Amino acid sequence: MRLPRKGARSGHMREVNWLILLISALATYRLSLMLSSEEGPLAIFARIRQKVPPKTNPGRGIRCFMCWSVWIAAAVTLYLLWLGMITKEILPLYWFAVSGAAVLVHEICSRA
């Protein structure tokens, strides 16, 4: 896939780095899984989840892998923007692509 560079003329394009997209998706998957369902070091994540009532919106959100993946992907994407690896024009697409890829990995791994 070719995307326009920031401030570039219409004839100048640059490649999307698929390795960065893959690494971003895997990092989002791992962090989202850890925060939504694992105990974590010294059971810190489990203790935080226990303090939030499960029948409330925050309680459902803190236990939801897909919810975490959206917010983690946003942070990862903003980090990539800060590093200059993506442009602000593609940021929204990249954000949801990273989250969607993380959810896809989660679905594949949970069925295995």
Foldseek 3Di string as FASTA:
>chain_A
DWACDVVDPPVDTDDQDVVLLVVLLVVLLVVLCCQQPNLPVVRPSVVVLVVDDCVDPVNVLRNDSLNSSLVSLLVSLVVCVVVVSDDPVCSVVSSVSSSVSSVVVVVVVVVD
